N, C-alpha and C. Protein backbone atom coordinates (compact mmCIF):
# COMPACT_ATOMS: atom_id res chain seq x y z
N MET A 1 14.29 3.33 -55.56
CA MET A 1 13.02 3.75 -54.48
C MET A 1 11.90 3.13 -54.68
N LYS A 2 11.44 2.47 -56.04
CA LYS A 2 10.34 1.87 -56.18
C LYS A 2 10.81 0.51 -55.21
N LYS A 3 11.73 -0.05 -55.66
CA LYS A 3 11.94 -1.38 -54.91
C LYS A 3 11.68 -1.15 -53.64
N LEU A 4 12.34 -0.08 -52.64
CA LEU A 4 12.30 0.07 -51.26
C LEU A 4 10.90 0.38 -50.84
N ILE A 5 10.22 0.85 -51.55
CA ILE A 5 8.67 1.26 -51.13
C ILE A 5 7.73 -0.25 -51.24
N LEU A 6 8.02 -0.77 -52.47
CA LEU A 6 7.27 -1.69 -52.48
C LEU A 6 7.96 -2.99 -51.44
N SER A 7 8.91 -3.13 -51.06
CA SER A 7 9.53 -3.77 -49.96
C SER A 7 9.12 -3.57 -48.68
N ALA A 8 8.95 -2.45 -48.58
CA ALA A 8 8.34 -1.87 -47.37
C ALA A 8 6.59 -2.43 -47.20
N ALA A 9 6.31 -2.18 -48.46
CA ALA A 9 4.35 -2.64 -48.30
C ALA A 9 4.62 -4.35 -47.95
N ILE A 10 5.40 -4.90 -48.86
CA ILE A 10 5.03 -6.32 -48.76
C ILE A 10 5.33 -6.85 -47.20
N VAL A 11 6.46 -6.13 -46.20
CA VAL A 11 6.82 -6.54 -45.14
C VAL A 11 6.01 -5.87 -44.12
N LEU A 12 5.53 -4.73 -44.32
CA LEU A 12 4.05 -4.32 -43.48
C LEU A 12 2.86 -4.98 -43.55
N GLY A 13 2.71 -5.35 -44.75
CA GLY A 13 1.43 -6.27 -45.06
C GLY A 13 1.44 -7.77 -44.37
N SER A 14 2.77 -8.45 -44.51
CA SER A 14 2.89 -9.66 -43.88
C SER A 14 2.82 -9.77 -42.48
N LEU A 15 3.25 -8.53 -41.99
CA LEU A 15 3.23 -8.31 -40.44
C LEU A 15 1.90 -8.51 -39.62
N SER A 16 1.13 -7.30 -40.58
CA SER A 16 -0.19 -7.18 -40.07
C SER A 16 -1.19 -8.56 -40.44
N MET A 17 -0.69 -9.28 -41.51
CA MET A 17 -1.47 -10.83 -41.35
C MET A 17 -1.09 -11.63 -40.24
N ASN A 18 -0.25 -11.47 -39.24
CA ASN A 18 0.43 -11.97 -37.92
C ASN A 18 -0.13 -11.54 -36.84
N ALA A 19 -0.81 -10.11 -36.92
CA ALA A 19 -1.58 -9.82 -35.86
C ALA A 19 -2.88 -9.79 -35.81
N GLU A 20 -3.15 -10.89 -36.60
CA GLU A 20 -4.88 -11.08 -36.62
C GLU A 20 -5.11 -11.34 -34.82
N THR A 21 -6.13 -11.42 -34.57
CA THR A 21 -6.88 -11.66 -33.22
C THR A 21 -7.21 -13.23 -33.38
N PRO A 22 -7.11 -14.18 -32.42
CA PRO A 22 -7.00 -15.35 -32.97
C PRO A 22 -8.52 -15.77 -32.11
N VAL A 23 -9.15 -16.58 -32.69
CA VAL A 23 -10.77 -16.71 -32.28
C VAL A 23 -10.28 -17.73 -30.80
N VAL A 24 -11.26 -17.56 -30.08
CA VAL A 24 -10.84 -18.54 -28.83
C VAL A 24 -12.14 -18.83 -28.31
N THR A 25 -12.48 -20.12 -28.28
CA THR A 25 -13.78 -20.86 -27.90
C THR A 25 -13.56 -21.32 -26.46
N ASN A 26 -14.62 -21.05 -25.76
CA ASN A 26 -14.70 -21.63 -24.32
C ASN A 26 -15.49 -22.44 -24.35
N GLN A 27 -15.48 -23.67 -23.61
CA GLN A 27 -16.56 -24.74 -23.48
C GLN A 27 -16.78 -24.75 -21.86
N MET A 28 -18.01 -24.52 -21.50
CA MET A 28 -18.52 -24.42 -20.45
C MET A 28 -18.80 -26.04 -19.84
N VAL A 29 -18.24 -26.40 -19.07
CA VAL A 29 -18.89 -27.90 -18.40
C VAL A 29 -19.41 -27.68 -17.00
N GLN A 30 -20.76 -28.12 -16.76
CA GLN A 30 -21.12 -28.31 -15.49
C GLN A 30 -21.11 -29.72 -15.11
N THR A 31 -20.47 -29.41 -13.45
CA THR A 31 -20.17 -30.64 -12.88
C THR A 31 -21.34 -30.53 -11.86
N VAL A 32 -21.51 -31.85 -11.23
CA VAL A 32 -22.22 -32.11 -9.87
C VAL A 32 -21.13 -32.34 -8.81
N ASN A 33 -21.27 -31.72 -8.14
CA ASN A 33 -20.51 -31.56 -6.69
C ASN A 33 -20.85 -33.19 -5.88
N ASP A 34 -20.54 -33.95 -5.83
CA ASP A 34 -20.96 -35.44 -5.18
C ASP A 34 -20.10 -35.70 -4.11
N GLN A 35 -18.96 -34.73 -3.58
CA GLN A 35 -18.15 -34.88 -2.44
C GLN A 35 -18.72 -35.23 -1.11
N ASP A 36 -20.20 -34.79 -0.83
CA ASP A 36 -20.61 -35.30 0.26
C ASP A 36 -21.44 -36.15 0.38
N GLY A 37 -21.80 -36.68 -0.81
CA GLY A 37 -22.63 -38.02 -0.67
C GLY A 37 -24.08 -37.52 -1.24
N TYR A 38 -24.38 -36.36 -1.54
CA TYR A 38 -25.94 -36.06 -1.89
C TYR A 38 -25.92 -35.74 -3.35
N LYS A 39 -27.51 -36.54 -3.64
CA LYS A 39 -27.84 -36.55 -4.81
C LYS A 39 -28.92 -35.73 -5.15
N GLU A 40 -29.04 -34.96 -6.02
CA GLU A 40 -30.33 -34.13 -6.49
C GLU A 40 -31.31 -34.69 -6.68
N VAL A 41 -32.42 -34.44 -5.87
CA VAL A 41 -33.76 -35.13 -6.58
C VAL A 41 -34.79 -34.01 -6.76
N ASP A 42 -35.68 -34.54 -7.45
CA ASP A 42 -36.94 -33.63 -7.76
C ASP A 42 -38.03 -32.82 -6.95
N GLY A 43 -38.56 -33.81 -5.61
CA GLY A 43 -38.99 -33.36 -4.69
C GLY A 43 -38.82 -34.19 -3.54
N VAL A 44 -39.33 -33.75 -2.38
CA VAL A 44 -39.02 -33.88 -0.95
C VAL A 44 -40.30 -34.99 -0.42
N PRO A 45 -40.10 -35.44 0.60
CA PRO A 45 -41.52 -36.20 1.19
C PRO A 45 -42.52 -35.02 2.20
N ALA A 46 -43.55 -35.79 1.86
CA ALA A 46 -44.70 -34.46 2.56
C ALA A 46 -43.87 -34.23 3.94
N ALA A 47 -43.26 -35.15 4.79
CA ALA A 47 -43.06 -34.92 6.36
C ALA A 47 -41.76 -33.88 6.28
N VAL A 48 -41.16 -34.02 5.31
CA VAL A 48 -39.82 -33.13 5.16
C VAL A 48 -40.76 -31.56 4.67
N LYS A 49 -41.64 -31.65 3.43
CA LYS A 49 -42.28 -30.37 3.61
C LYS A 49 -42.85 -29.93 4.61
N LYS A 50 -43.66 -30.21 5.51
CA LYS A 50 -44.27 -30.14 6.81
C LYS A 50 -43.41 -29.63 7.62
N GLY A 51 -42.31 -30.40 7.95
CA GLY A 51 -41.13 -30.43 9.00
C GLY A 51 -40.72 -28.68 8.59
N LEU A 52 -40.33 -28.30 7.53
CA LEU A 52 -39.73 -27.20 7.01
C LEU A 52 -41.05 -26.20 7.35
N ASP A 53 -42.01 -25.86 6.76
CA ASP A 53 -43.18 -25.10 7.03
C ASP A 53 -43.31 -24.69 8.33
N ALA A 54 -43.18 -25.88 9.14
CA ALA A 54 -43.49 -25.47 10.37
C ALA A 54 -42.56 -24.66 11.32
N ALA A 55 -41.19 -24.98 11.08
CA ALA A 55 -39.75 -24.49 11.09
C ALA A 55 -39.59 -22.96 10.75
N TYR A 56 -40.14 -22.96 9.47
CA TYR A 56 -39.96 -21.66 8.80
C TYR A 56 -41.05 -21.13 7.85
N PRO A 57 -41.99 -20.47 8.55
CA PRO A 57 -43.25 -20.01 7.90
C PRO A 57 -43.10 -19.20 6.62
N GLY A 58 -43.45 -19.32 5.70
CA GLY A 58 -43.49 -19.12 4.16
C GLY A 58 -42.49 -19.45 3.18
N VAL A 59 -41.75 -20.72 3.70
CA VAL A 59 -40.65 -21.04 3.12
C VAL A 59 -40.76 -21.54 1.57
N VAL A 60 -39.89 -21.24 1.00
CA VAL A 60 -40.01 -22.00 -0.71
C VAL A 60 -38.76 -22.72 -0.95
N LEU A 61 -38.98 -24.02 -1.25
CA LEU A 61 -37.96 -24.79 -1.53
C LEU A 61 -37.40 -24.68 -2.84
N GLU A 62 -36.26 -24.85 -3.04
CA GLU A 62 -35.45 -24.03 -4.37
C GLU A 62 -34.77 -25.61 -4.99
N LYS A 63 -34.22 -26.05 -4.39
CA LYS A 63 -33.43 -27.64 -4.43
C LYS A 63 -33.44 -28.53 -3.58
N ALA A 64 -33.41 -29.48 -3.81
CA ALA A 64 -33.13 -30.62 -2.55
C ALA A 64 -32.28 -31.50 -3.05
N TRP A 65 -31.37 -32.12 -2.43
CA TRP A 65 -30.33 -33.37 -2.18
C TRP A 65 -30.78 -34.17 -1.29
N VAL A 66 -30.51 -35.87 -1.58
CA VAL A 66 -30.60 -37.02 -0.42
C VAL A 66 -29.45 -37.50 -0.44
N ASN A 67 -29.10 -38.07 0.69
CA ASN A 67 -27.93 -38.96 0.82
C ASN A 67 -28.70 -40.23 0.90
N GLU A 68 -27.47 -41.48 1.27
CA GLU A 68 -27.84 -42.91 1.69
C GLU A 68 -28.18 -43.00 2.72
N LYS A 69 -28.27 -41.93 3.48
CA LYS A 69 -29.16 -42.19 5.08
C LYS A 69 -30.40 -41.59 4.87
N LYS A 70 -30.67 -41.15 3.78
CA LYS A 70 -32.09 -40.58 3.57
C LYS A 70 -32.32 -39.18 4.28
N GLU A 71 -31.10 -38.47 4.64
CA GLU A 71 -31.20 -37.08 5.04
C GLU A 71 -31.16 -36.33 3.80
N TYR A 72 -31.77 -35.19 3.84
CA TYR A 72 -31.78 -34.22 2.95
C TYR A 72 -31.30 -32.99 3.26
N LYS A 73 -30.71 -32.23 2.07
CA LYS A 73 -30.17 -30.88 2.13
C LYS A 73 -30.97 -30.14 1.14
N ILE A 74 -31.29 -29.18 1.59
CA ILE A 74 -32.36 -28.64 0.89
C ILE A 74 -32.29 -26.71 1.15
N GLU A 75 -32.23 -26.53 -0.49
CA GLU A 75 -31.76 -25.02 -0.27
C GLU A 75 -33.32 -24.43 -0.27
N ILE A 76 -33.17 -23.40 0.77
CA ILE A 76 -34.48 -22.60 0.82
C ILE A 76 -34.33 -21.33 0.87
N THR A 77 -35.71 -20.51 0.58
CA THR A 77 -35.71 -19.17 0.58
C THR A 77 -36.98 -18.73 1.40
N VAL A 78 -36.55 -17.87 2.41
CA VAL A 78 -37.38 -17.42 3.36
C VAL A 78 -37.06 -16.10 3.52
N ARG A 79 -38.59 -15.20 2.97
CA ARG A 79 -38.44 -13.66 3.05
C ARG A 79 -37.35 -13.07 2.53
N GLY A 80 -37.26 -13.94 0.91
CA GLY A 80 -35.81 -13.14 -0.04
C GLY A 80 -34.38 -13.66 0.28
N GLU A 81 -34.16 -14.60 1.66
CA GLU A 81 -32.94 -14.91 2.09
C GLU A 81 -32.88 -16.62 1.95
N LYS A 82 -31.83 -16.46 0.96
CA LYS A 82 -31.69 -18.20 0.58
C LYS A 82 -30.68 -18.69 1.78
N SER A 83 -30.99 -20.05 1.95
CA SER A 83 -30.18 -20.90 3.11
C SER A 83 -30.06 -22.57 2.83
N ILE A 84 -29.61 -23.18 3.73
CA ILE A 84 -29.14 -24.55 3.00
C ILE A 84 -29.70 -25.02 4.32
N VAL A 85 -30.77 -25.96 4.32
CA VAL A 85 -31.22 -26.79 5.93
C VAL A 85 -30.75 -28.10 5.69
N TYR A 86 -30.97 -29.09 6.31
CA TYR A 86 -30.59 -30.21 6.50
C TYR A 86 -31.71 -31.03 7.30
N THR A 87 -32.37 -31.92 6.69
CA THR A 87 -33.43 -32.74 7.31
C THR A 87 -33.55 -34.21 7.50
N ASP A 88 -34.11 -34.87 7.92
CA ASP A 88 -34.15 -36.22 7.74
C ASP A 88 -35.43 -36.81 7.04
N ALA A 89 -35.57 -37.99 7.02
CA ALA A 89 -36.87 -38.13 6.42
C ALA A 89 -38.29 -38.09 7.17
N SER A 90 -38.12 -37.98 8.37
CA SER A 90 -39.19 -37.12 8.80
C SER A 90 -39.52 -36.01 9.08
N GLY A 91 -38.96 -35.08 8.52
CA GLY A 91 -39.12 -33.91 8.62
C GLY A 91 -38.32 -33.13 9.99
N ASN A 92 -37.55 -33.76 10.58
CA ASN A 92 -36.68 -33.08 11.88
C ASN A 92 -35.52 -32.49 11.01
N ILE A 93 -35.24 -31.44 11.58
CA ILE A 93 -34.16 -30.32 11.22
C ILE A 93 -33.05 -30.74 11.93
N LEU A 94 -32.10 -30.87 11.17
CA LEU A 94 -30.64 -31.73 11.35
C LEU A 94 -29.52 -30.55 11.82
N LYS A 95 -28.70 -30.50 12.86
CA LYS A 95 -27.65 -29.70 12.73
C LYS A 95 -26.28 -30.00 12.03
N LYS A 96 -25.96 -29.24 11.27
CA LYS A 96 -24.61 -29.70 10.48
C LYS A 96 -23.92 -28.54 10.46
């Protein structure tokens, strides 16, 4: 009887060792989407800022990107709403 209880304890002990929760580490990789040819820039020309101020009073520039044609893709916030606007280097709003 002792052997039976001892055997059961060993079997149950070994099963609980296999039931451990594995540690999973997730790596987060941030990628820049360059499929439309735009590259992020730190600032925009004064003409672009002036054109946005004229078209959208109270505009706040969040992010800006530029392509080879010097067309700007700009993430703006106006009255709490975010949107994307496209302009040329002269500040003219482009329709896309």
